Amino acid sequence: MNKPRGKQAAGAGAQEREGAVSISLELARKMEPLVAPIVKDIHDAYERLTRLENEQVDLDRRRRGLAWPERQRRYQVAEELRQAQQRLGDLVAELELIHVLIVDPVIGEAAFPTTVHGRQAYFVWRMGGSPMTWCYANEAERRQIPANWNREPARSR
């Protein structure tokens, strides 16, 4: 599947800064209900962008033989593409405000920055109800979250 040109917008501004933010597993889980609808909207916006880009490619390829209604649609698609790219960028920025990154808009995957054994890592959440996983920064392998990470740390009284 071709990635829409708007994919660049999905990563814009998502620069990783070592040690900038570290979200605990407990907080990441509490944030899921906030993050889920935004990720779903990003997923939908990305699919719309893909459809519009495919339509634009087709209309551009046939532009010399288009009748007026198709020519008018070609101009309309160009405007809808601009709006879809803006919408996608706005949604990604909304996640970035709460320090969550969109990893893959196609499958609806988002990452919460954290630190594991002194290394930058991420808790990875995916649309569809699969369990949260984790990975080190710049590694594709997703790991199950160990059971002992699910316990709350002891609080001092």
Protein backbone atom coordinates (compact mmCIF):
# COMPACT_ATOMS: atom_id res chain seq x y z
CA MET A 1 0.00 0.00 0.00
CA ASN A 2 1.30 3.40 -0.94
CA LYS A 3 1.73 5.80 1.93
CA PRO A 4 -0.05 9.10 1.41
CA ARG A 5 2.04 12.20 1.09
CA GLY A 6 0.26 13.37 4.25
CA LYS A 7 2.28 10.73 6.16
CA GLN A 8 4.95 13.37 6.54
CA ALA A 9 2.43 15.48 8.42
CA ALA A 10 1.87 12.56 10.79
CA GLY A 11 5.47 12.75 11.95
CA ALA A 12 5.89 16.50 11.88
CA GLY A 13 7.00 17.92 15.20
CA ALA A 14 7.35 14.49 16.79
CA GLN A 15 11.01 14.89 17.54
CA GLU A 16 12.29 12.61 20.26
CA ARG A 17 14.30 14.34 22.95
CA GLU A 18 16.29 12.10 25.27
CA GLY A 19 14.77 12.19 28.73
CA ALA A 20 12.15 14.79 27.83
CA VAL A 21 9.10 12.91 29.14
CA SER A 22 8.63 9.61 30.90
CA ILE A 23 5.09 8.32 31.32
CA SER A 24 4.50 5.53 33.83
CA LEU A 25 2.58 2.40 32.85
CA GLU A 26 -0.18 3.35 35.28
CA LEU A 27 -0.54 6.81 33.69
CA ALA A 28 -0.38 5.38 30.16
CA ARG A 29 -3.28 3.06 30.99
CA LYS A 30 -5.25 5.94 32.51
CA MET A 31 -4.65 7.95 29.32
CA GLU A 32 -6.01 5.20 27.02
CA PRO A 33 -9.62 6.48 27.05
CA LEU A 34 -8.36 9.93 26.02
CA VAL A 35 -5.94 8.63 23.38
CA ALA A 36 -8.22 6.00 21.78
CA PRO A 37 -10.68 8.35 20.03
CA ILE A 38 -7.87 10.60 18.79
CA VAL A 39 -5.99 7.62 17.33
CA LYS A 40 -9.24 6.41 15.70
CA ASP A 41 -9.72 9.86 14.16
CA ILE A 42 -6.10 9.82 12.90
CA HIS A 43 -6.67 6.36 11.41
CA ASP A 44 -9.83 7.56 9.65
CA ALA A 45 -8.19 10.80 8.44
CA TYR A 46 -5.25 8.82 7.06
CA GLU A 47 -7.58 6.46 5.18
CA ARG A 48 -9.47 9.46 3.75
CA LEU A 49 -6.20 11.04 2.69
CA THR A 50 -5.19 7.82 0.94
CA ARG A 51 -8.51 7.61 -0.95
CA LEU A 52 -8.32 11.26 -2.00
CA GLU A 53 -4.73 10.92 -3.20
CA ASN A 54 -5.62 7.86 -5.27
CA GLU A 55 -8.56 9.73 -6.79
CA GLN A 56 -6.35 12.73 -7.53
CA VAL A 57 -3.75 10.56 -9.25
CA ASP A 58 -6.47 9.03 -11.43
CA LEU A 59 -8.01 12.40 -12.31
CA ASP A 60 -4.58 13.94 -13.01
CA ARG A 61 -3.68 11.04 -15.29
CA ARG A 62 -6.88 11.55 -17.31
CA ARG A 63 -7.01 15.37 -17.05
CA ARG A 64 -6.92 16.10 -20.81
CA GLY A 65 -10.00 14.03 -21.56
CA LEU A 66 -12.13 15.01 -18.60
CA ALA A 67 -15.62 16.35 -19.08
CA TRP A 68 -16.56 19.41 -17.03
CA PRO A 69 -18.06 17.49 -14.03
CA GLU A 70 -14.87 15.40 -13.69
CA ARG A 71 -12.70 18.48 -14.15
CA GLN A 72 -14.68 20.23 -11.43
CA ARG A 73 -14.21 17.16 -9.20
CA ARG A 74 -10.45 17.37 -9.83
CA TYR A 75 -10.39 20.89 -8.36
CA GLN A 76 -12.62 19.82 -5.49
CA VAL A 77 -10.32 16.86 -4.66
CA ALA A 78 -7.33 19.21 -4.49
CA GLU A 79 -9.14 21.31 -1.87
CA GLU A 80 -10.35 18.26 0.07
CA LEU A 81 -6.77 16.94 0.11
CA ARG A 82 -5.52 20.18 1.62
CA GLN A 83 -8.22 20.01 4.30
CA ALA A 84 -7.52 16.32 5.03
CA GLN A 85 -3.79 17.02 5.45
CA GLN A 86 -4.60 19.88 7.82
CA ARG A 87 -6.99 17.67 9.82
CA LEU A 88 -4.37 14.93 10.12
CA GLY A 89 -1.76 17.43 11.27
CA ASP A 90 -4.14 18.90 13.85
CA LEU A 91 -4.95 15.45 15.28
CA VAL A 92 -1.27 14.49 15.53
CA ALA A 93 -0.55 17.80 17.25
CA GLU A 94 -3.35 17.05 19.73
CA LEU A 95 -1.59 13.80 20.71
CA GLU A 96 1.78 15.51 20.90
CA LEU A 97 0.35 17.99 23.42
CA ILE A 98 -0.05 15.07 25.83
CA HIS A 99 3.35 13.63 24.79
CA VAL A 100 1.92 10.68 22.84
CA LEU A 101 3.29 9.84 19.41
CA ILE A 102 1.45 8.23 16.51
CA VAL A 103 3.51 5.23 15.39
CA ASP A 104 1.34 3.84 12.60
CA PRO A 105 -1.85 5.54 11.44
CA VAL A 106 -2.79 2.58 9.23
CA ILE A 107 -3.19 0.15 12.15
CA GLY A 108 -3.84 2.84 14.75
CA GLU A 109 -0.76 2.49 16.92
CA ALA A 110 0.41 5.11 19.43
CA ALA A 111 3.37 5.29 21.81
CA PHE A 112 3.78 6.70 25.30
CA PRO A 113 7.42 7.68 26.03
CA THR A 114 8.97 6.10 29.11
CA THR A 115 12.28 4.86 30.46
CA VAL A 116 13.14 1.18 30.94
CA HIS A 117 16.44 0.20 32.57
CA GLY A 118 17.77 3.70 31.98
CA ARG A 119 17.01 3.60 28.23
CA GLN A 120 14.41 5.54 26.29
CA ALA A 121 11.45 3.27 25.55
CA TYR A 122 7.75 3.37 24.73
CA PHE A 123 4.55 1.76 25.91
CA VAL A 124 2.75 0.93 22.67
CA TRP A 125 -1.03 0.96 22.43
CA ARG A 126 -2.92 -0.35 19.40
CA MET A 127 -6.54 0.14 18.34
CA GLY A 128 -8.69 -2.93 18.60
CA GLY A 129 -8.17 -3.93 22.19
CA SER A 130 -4.89 -5.82 21.96
CA PRO A 131 -2.83 -5.61 25.16
CA MET A 132 -0.37 -2.76 25.55
CA THR A 133 3.22 -3.72 24.76
CA TRP A 134 6.55 -1.95 25.12
CA CYS A 135 9.73 -1.46 23.09
CA TYR A 136 13.02 0.39 23.32
CA ALA A 137 13.39 3.51 21.17
CA ASN A 138 14.39 2.74 17.59
CA GLU A 139 13.55 -0.97 17.93
CA ALA A 140 10.68 -2.60 16.09
CA GLU A 141 10.29 -5.58 18.43
CA ARG A 142 7.22 -5.29 20.67
CA ARG A 143 7.53 -7.00 24.05
CA GLN A 144 4.85 -8.10 26.48
CA ILE A 145 4.68 -6.05 29.64
CA PRO A 146 5.98 -8.17 32.55
CA ALA A 147 3.41 -8.96 35.25
CA ASN A 148 5.53 -7.30 37.96
CA TRP A 149 5.28 -3.96 36.09
CA ASN A 150 1.53 -3.99 36.70
CA ARG A 151 1.89 -3.56 40.44
CA GLU A 152 1.76 -0.06 41.82
CA PRO A 153 4.95 1.05 43.55
CA ALA A 154 4.80 1.08 47.35
CA ARG A 155 3.93 4.52 48.66
CA SER A 156 5.60 5.89 51.76
CA ARG A 157 3.34 6.96 54.56
